[in-house]
Amino acid sequence: MIILHVPGADIDALCVAPRHVERAEFFTSFIERLQSEPGIRDLRVSDLLSASYLFLALFVFGDLLL
């Protein structure tokens, strides 16, 4: 059994979009959507991994650090 609810654990997510959606457009609208959600706070975004088409978004949703 894998235990995922221990302190310090994180959640990894993979987002798949249609080919016609550009990376910059997706991440811009996604971050705007996160910012508009009332339950999300402490949103931090890093695109330091842009060469590999990844970005890191950290935020608190309710009591969960995601």
Protein backbone atom coordinates (compact mmCIF):
# COMPACT_ATOMS: atom_id res chain seq x y z
CA MET A 1 0.00 0.00 0.00
CA ILE A 2 1.28 3.48 -0.89
CA ILE A 3 0.71 6.13 1.75
CA LEU A 4 0.19 9.55 0.17
CA HIS A 5 -1.18 11.55 3.06
CA VAL A 6 1.91 12.06 5.15
CA PRO A 7 3.23 15.52 6.10
CA GLY A 8 5.43 16.91 3.35
CA ALA A 9 3.94 14.72 0.61
CA ASP A 10 3.02 16.43 -2.65
CA ILE A 11 0.70 15.78 -5.55
CA ASP A 12 1.99 15.60 -9.11
CA ALA A 13 -0.44 16.27 -11.94
CA LEU A 14 -0.19 15.91 -15.68
CA CYS A 15 -2.26 18.23 -17.85
CA VAL A 16 -2.87 17.25 -21.46
CA ALA A 17 -4.22 19.76 -23.96
CA PRO A 18 -5.06 19.58 -27.67
CA ARG A 19 -2.22 20.28 -30.06
CA HIS A 20 -3.64 23.67 -31.13
CA VAL A 21 -3.39 25.05 -27.56
CA GLU A 22 -0.06 26.75 -27.12
CA ARG A 23 1.87 26.25 -23.90
CA ALA A 24 1.93 29.96 -22.98
CA GLU A 25 -1.81 30.29 -23.60
CA PHE A 26 -2.62 27.24 -21.48
CA PHE A 27 -0.49 28.25 -18.53
CA THR A 28 -1.70 31.86 -18.66
CA SER A 29 -5.38 30.88 -18.57
CA PHE A 30 -4.74 28.10 -16.03
CA ILE A 31 -3.00 30.46 -13.60
CA GLU A 32 -5.75 33.07 -14.05
CA ARG A 33 -8.32 30.41 -13.26
CA LEU A 34 -6.43 29.34 -10.13
CA GLN A 35 -6.16 32.98 -9.00
CA SER A 36 -9.92 33.44 -9.36
CA GLU A 37 -10.77 30.43 -7.18
CA PRO A 38 -11.83 31.60 -3.70
CA GLY A 39 -10.41 28.51 -1.94
CA ILE A 40 -6.88 28.91 -3.32
CA ARG A 41 -4.31 31.00 -1.51
CA ASP A 42 -0.53 31.49 -1.50
CA LEU A 43 -0.23 30.76 -5.23
CA ARG A 44 3.39 30.65 -6.41
CA VAL A 45 4.32 29.85 -10.00
CA SER A 46 7.73 29.09 -11.46
CA ASP A 47 8.53 28.49 -15.11
CA LEU A 48 12.19 27.70 -14.47
CA LEU A 49 11.66 24.39 -16.21
CA SER A 50 10.38 26.04 -19.40
CA ALA A 51 12.96 24.29 -21.58
CA SER A 52 11.31 20.98 -20.71
CA TYR A 53 7.74 22.35 -21.06
CA LEU A 54 7.09 22.02 -17.37
CA PHE A 55 6.14 24.54 -14.77
CA LEU A 56 5.69 24.41 -11.04
CA ALA A 57 2.64 25.82 -9.28
CA LEU A 58 2.41 25.70 -5.51
CA PHE A 59 -0.69 26.77 -3.65
CA VAL A 60 -2.84 26.04 -0.65
CA PHE A 61 -6.35 24.76 -1.27
CA GLY A 62 -8.29 24.52 1.95
CA ASP A 63 -5.77 22.90 4.28
CA LEU A 64 -3.81 21.12 1.53
CA LEU A 65 -0.50 22.31 0.14
CA LEU A 66 -0.52 21.41 -3.56
